[in-house]
Amino acid sequence: MARAAELEAQILAEEQIAAESRKSRDRRAKTPAEDTAIYSSTTLAQRAAQEYGYVQRDLRRIAIVGGGLLIVLVIIDILLNVAHVF
């Protein structure tokens, strides 16, 4: 009985934590984002420059990952077809 009461108390505590987390998440969703305040006071050119920075960084990451994958494929091709390792 004591173990059941302990488990029930633990379950209730976890449910309370989840409910509080949901409430705080809902409150954050209702408040306006900080980014909108920045965008409202900046010009279109400044916003575009910020966005191009993100795009440039993302394209660089894509190129690095894609280049790495190509290098791996070339190495596998050399091992399989040229060196007859496998």
N, C-alpha and C. Protein backbone atom coordinates (compact mmCIF):
# COMPACT_ATOMS: atom_id res chain seq x y z
N MET A 1 0.82 -1.20 0.00
CA MET A 1 0.00 0.00 0.00
C MET A 1 0.87 1.26 0.00
N ALA A 2 1.93 1.19 0.77
CA ALA A 2 2.81 2.36 0.84
C ALA A 2 3.46 2.61 -0.52
N ARG A 3 3.85 1.53 -1.18
CA ARG A 3 4.47 1.66 -2.50
C ARG A 3 3.49 2.24 -3.52
N ALA A 4 2.23 1.81 -3.46
CA ALA A 4 1.21 2.33 -4.36
C ALA A 4 0.98 3.82 -4.11
N ALA A 5 0.95 4.21 -2.86
CA ALA A 5 0.76 5.62 -2.53
C ALA A 5 1.95 6.45 -3.03
N GLU A 6 3.15 5.87 -2.89
CA GLU A 6 4.34 6.57 -3.36
C GLU A 6 4.32 6.74 -4.88
N LEU A 7 3.93 5.68 -5.60
CA LEU A 7 3.83 5.77 -7.05
C LEU A 7 2.77 6.76 -7.49
N GLU A 8 1.65 6.79 -6.79
CA GLU A 8 0.59 7.73 -7.12
C GLU A 8 1.05 9.16 -6.91
N ALA A 9 1.77 9.40 -5.82
CA ALA A 9 2.28 10.75 -5.55
C ALA A 9 3.29 11.16 -6.63
N GLN A 10 4.11 10.21 -7.07
CA GLN A 10 5.08 10.50 -8.12
C GLN A 10 4.39 10.82 -9.43
N ILE A 11 3.36 10.07 -9.77
CA ILE A 11 2.61 10.31 -11.01
C ILE A 11 1.93 11.67 -10.96
N LEU A 12 1.34 12.02 -9.83
CA LEU A 12 0.69 13.32 -9.68
C LEU A 12 1.70 14.46 -9.82
N ALA A 13 2.89 14.27 -9.24
CA ALA A 13 3.92 15.31 -9.35
C ALA A 13 4.35 15.49 -10.80
N GLU A 14 4.52 14.39 -11.54
CA GLU A 14 4.90 14.47 -12.95
C GLU A 14 3.81 15.14 -13.78
N GLU A 15 2.55 14.84 -13.48
CA GLU A 15 1.44 15.48 -14.19
C GLU A 15 1.41 16.97 -13.92
N GLN A 16 1.70 17.36 -12.68
CA GLN A 16 1.70 18.78 -12.33
C GLN A 16 2.82 19.50 -13.07
N ILE A 17 3.98 18.88 -13.14
CA ILE A 17 5.11 19.49 -13.86
C ILE A 17 4.77 19.65 -15.34
N ALA A 18 4.14 18.62 -15.93
CA ALA A 18 3.75 18.69 -17.34
C ALA A 18 2.72 19.79 -17.56
N ALA A 19 1.78 19.94 -16.65
CA ALA A 19 0.76 20.98 -16.79
C ALA A 19 1.39 22.37 -16.71
N GLU A 20 2.34 22.54 -15.78
CA GLU A 20 3.01 23.84 -15.66
C GLU A 20 3.83 24.14 -16.91
N SER A 21 4.46 23.12 -17.46
CA SER A 21 5.23 23.30 -18.68
C SER A 21 4.33 23.71 -19.84
N ARG A 22 3.16 23.06 -19.94
CA ARG A 22 2.20 23.42 -20.98
C ARG A 22 1.73 24.85 -20.83
N LYS A 23 1.46 25.27 -19.59
CA LYS A 23 1.00 26.64 -19.35
C LYS A 23 2.07 27.66 -19.75
N SER A 24 3.32 27.40 -19.38
CA SER A 24 4.38 28.35 -19.72
C SER A 24 4.60 28.40 -21.22
N ARG A 25 4.48 27.24 -21.89
CA ARG A 25 4.64 27.20 -23.35
C ARG A 25 3.51 27.99 -24.01
N ASP A 26 2.29 27.86 -23.49
CA ASP A 26 1.17 28.61 -24.05
C ASP A 26 1.35 30.10 -23.84
N ARG A 27 1.87 30.49 -22.68
CA ARG A 27 2.10 31.91 -22.42
C ARG A 27 3.15 32.47 -23.38
N ARG A 28 4.20 31.70 -23.64
CA ARG A 28 5.23 32.17 -24.57
C ARG A 28 4.68 32.28 -25.98
N ALA A 29 3.79 31.39 -26.35
CA ALA A 29 3.21 31.43 -27.69
C ALA A 29 2.31 32.65 -27.86
N LYS A 30 1.67 33.09 -26.78
CA LYS A 30 0.76 34.23 -26.87
C LYS A 30 1.50 35.56 -26.91
N THR A 31 2.71 35.62 -26.31
CA THR A 31 3.45 36.88 -26.31
C THR A 31 4.09 37.08 -27.67
N PRO A 32 4.16 38.33 -28.13
CA PRO A 32 4.77 38.58 -29.45
C PRO A 32 6.26 38.24 -29.41
N ALA A 33 6.76 37.73 -30.48
CA ALA A 33 8.16 37.35 -30.56
C ALA A 33 9.03 38.59 -30.56
N GLU A 34 10.23 38.44 -30.04
CA GLU A 34 11.15 39.58 -30.01
C GLU A 34 11.60 39.97 -31.40
N ASP A 35 11.67 39.00 -32.30
CA ASP A 35 12.12 39.28 -33.66
C ASP A 35 11.18 40.24 -34.38
N THR A 36 9.89 40.16 -34.09
CA THR A 36 8.95 41.05 -34.77
C THR A 36 9.20 42.49 -34.38
N ALA A 37 9.60 42.73 -33.14
CA ALA A 37 9.90 44.09 -32.71
C ALA A 37 11.12 44.62 -33.45
N ILE A 38 12.11 43.77 -33.66
CA ILE A 38 13.31 44.19 -34.38
C ILE A 38 12.95 44.50 -35.83
N TYR A 39 12.16 43.62 -36.45
CA TYR A 39 11.81 43.81 -37.84
C TYR A 39 10.95 45.06 -38.06
N SER A 40 10.12 45.40 -37.10
CA SER A 40 9.23 46.54 -37.31
C SER A 40 9.99 47.86 -37.34
N SER A 41 11.16 47.91 -36.69
CA SER A 41 11.89 49.17 -36.62
C SER A 41 13.05 49.23 -37.61
N THR A 42 13.25 48.18 -38.41
CA THR A 42 14.35 48.19 -39.37
C THR A 42 13.82 48.32 -40.78
N THR A 43 14.70 48.74 -41.66
CA THR A 43 14.30 48.89 -43.05
C THR A 43 14.32 47.53 -43.75
N LEU A 44 13.72 47.49 -44.90
CA LEU A 44 13.67 46.26 -45.67
C LEU A 44 15.07 45.79 -46.06
N ALA A 45 15.94 46.71 -46.39
CA ALA A 45 17.31 46.35 -46.78
C ALA A 45 18.06 45.71 -45.61
N GLN A 46 17.85 46.23 -44.41
CA GLN A 46 18.52 45.65 -43.25
C GLN A 46 18.00 44.25 -42.96
N ARG A 47 16.70 44.07 -43.09
CA ARG A 47 16.12 42.74 -42.88
C ARG A 47 16.64 41.76 -43.92
N ALA A 48 16.73 42.22 -45.17
CA ALA A 48 17.23 41.35 -46.24
C ALA A 48 18.68 40.97 -45.98
N ALA A 49 19.48 41.92 -45.51
CA ALA A 49 20.88 41.63 -45.22
C ALA A 49 21.00 40.57 -44.13
N GLN A 50 20.14 40.65 -43.11
CA GLN A 50 20.14 39.64 -42.05
C GLN A 50 19.75 38.28 -42.61
N GLU A 51 18.74 38.24 -43.43
CA GLU A 51 18.28 36.98 -44.00
C GLU A 51 19.33 36.39 -44.93
N TYR A 52 20.01 37.22 -45.73
CA TYR A 52 21.04 36.71 -46.62
C TYR A 52 22.19 36.11 -45.83
N GLY A 53 22.45 36.64 -44.64
CA GLY A 53 23.48 36.05 -43.78
C GLY A 53 23.11 34.63 -43.40
N TYR A 54 21.85 34.43 -43.04
CA TYR A 54 21.39 33.08 -42.69
C TYR A 54 21.48 32.16 -43.90
N VAL A 55 21.06 32.64 -45.04
CA VAL A 55 21.07 31.83 -46.25
C VAL A 55 22.51 31.45 -46.62
N GLN A 56 23.41 32.41 -46.53
CA GLN A 56 24.80 32.15 -46.87
C GLN A 56 25.39 31.09 -45.94
N ARG A 57 25.11 31.19 -44.65
CA ARG A 57 25.61 30.21 -43.69
C ARG A 57 25.03 28.82 -43.97
N ASP A 58 23.74 28.76 -44.28
CA ASP A 58 23.10 27.48 -44.58
C ASP A 58 23.67 26.86 -45.85
N LEU A 59 23.88 27.67 -46.88
CA LEU A 59 24.44 27.15 -48.13
C LEU A 59 25.86 26.63 -47.92
N ARG A 60 26.62 27.32 -47.09
CA ARG A 60 27.98 26.87 -46.80
C ARG A 60 27.94 25.51 -46.10
N ARG A 61 27.03 25.35 -45.15
CA ARG A 61 26.90 24.06 -44.46
C ARG A 61 26.47 22.95 -45.42
N ILE A 62 25.54 23.27 -46.31
CA ILE A 62 25.09 22.27 -47.29
C ILE A 62 26.25 21.87 -48.19
N ALA A 63 27.04 22.83 -48.63
CA ALA A 63 28.18 22.53 -49.49
C ALA A 63 29.21 21.67 -48.76
N ILE A 64 29.46 21.94 -47.50
CA ILE A 64 30.42 21.16 -46.74
C ILE A 64 29.94 19.72 -46.59
N VAL A 65 28.68 19.55 -46.22
CA VAL A 65 28.13 18.20 -46.05
C VAL A 65 28.11 17.47 -47.39
N GLY A 66 27.65 18.14 -48.43
CA GLY A 66 27.61 17.52 -49.75
C GLY A 66 28.99 17.15 -50.25
N GLY A 67 29.96 18.03 -50.06
CA GLY A 67 31.33 17.73 -50.46
C GLY A 67 31.91 16.56 -49.68
N GLY A 68 31.61 16.52 -48.41
CA GLY A 68 32.07 15.40 -47.58
C GLY A 68 31.48 14.09 -48.05
N LEU A 69 30.21 14.10 -48.39
CA LEU A 69 29.57 12.88 -48.88
C LEU A 69 30.16 12.44 -50.22
N LEU A 70 30.44 13.40 -51.09
CA LEU A 70 31.08 13.06 -52.37
C LEU A 70 32.45 12.44 -52.17
N ILE A 71 33.21 12.99 -51.24
CA ILE A 71 34.54 12.44 -50.95
C ILE A 71 34.42 11.01 -50.44
N VAL A 72 33.46 10.76 -49.56
CA VAL A 72 33.25 9.41 -49.04
C VAL A 72 32.88 8.46 -50.17
N LEU A 73 32.00 8.90 -51.08
CA LEU A 73 31.62 8.05 -52.21
C LEU A 73 32.80 7.75 -53.12
N VAL A 74 33.65 8.72 -53.36
CA VAL A 74 34.83 8.50 -54.20
C VAL A 74 35.77 7.50 -53.53
N ILE A 75 35.96 7.63 -52.24
CA ILE A 75 36.82 6.69 -51.52
C ILE A 75 36.25 5.28 -51.59
N ILE A 76 34.95 5.14 -51.39
CA ILE A 76 34.32 3.83 -51.48
C ILE A 76 34.47 3.27 -52.89
N ASP A 77 34.29 4.11 -53.91
CA ASP A 77 34.44 3.66 -55.29
C ASP A 77 35.86 3.17 -55.55
N ILE A 78 36.84 3.90 -55.08
CA ILE A 78 38.23 3.50 -55.27
C ILE A 78 38.49 2.17 -54.56
N LEU A 79 37.99 2.02 -53.34
CA LEU A 79 38.21 0.78 -52.60
C LEU A 79 37.55 -0.41 -53.28
N LEU A 80 36.36 -0.20 -53.81
CA LEU A 80 35.64 -1.32 -54.40
C LEU A 80 36.09 -1.63 -55.82
N ASN A 81 36.22 -0.63 -56.67
CA ASN A 81 36.45 -0.88 -58.08
C ASN A 81 37.91 -0.87 -58.50
N VAL A 82 38.72 -0.09 -57.83
CA VAL A 82 40.12 0.02 -58.24
C VAL A 82 41.00 -0.91 -57.40
N ALA A 83 40.86 -0.84 -56.11
CA ALA A 83 41.73 -1.61 -55.23
C ALA A 83 41.21 -3.03 -54.99
N HIS A 84 39.97 -3.30 -55.30
CA HIS A 84 39.34 -4.61 -55.08
C HIS A 84 39.51 -5.08 -53.64
N VAL A 85 39.26 -4.17 -52.72
CA VAL A 85 39.40 -4.48 -51.30
C VAL A 85 38.33 -5.45 -50.86
N PHE A 86 37.15 -5.29 -51.36
CA PHE A 86 36.04 -6.16 -50.93
C PHE A 86 35.67 -7.13 -52.02
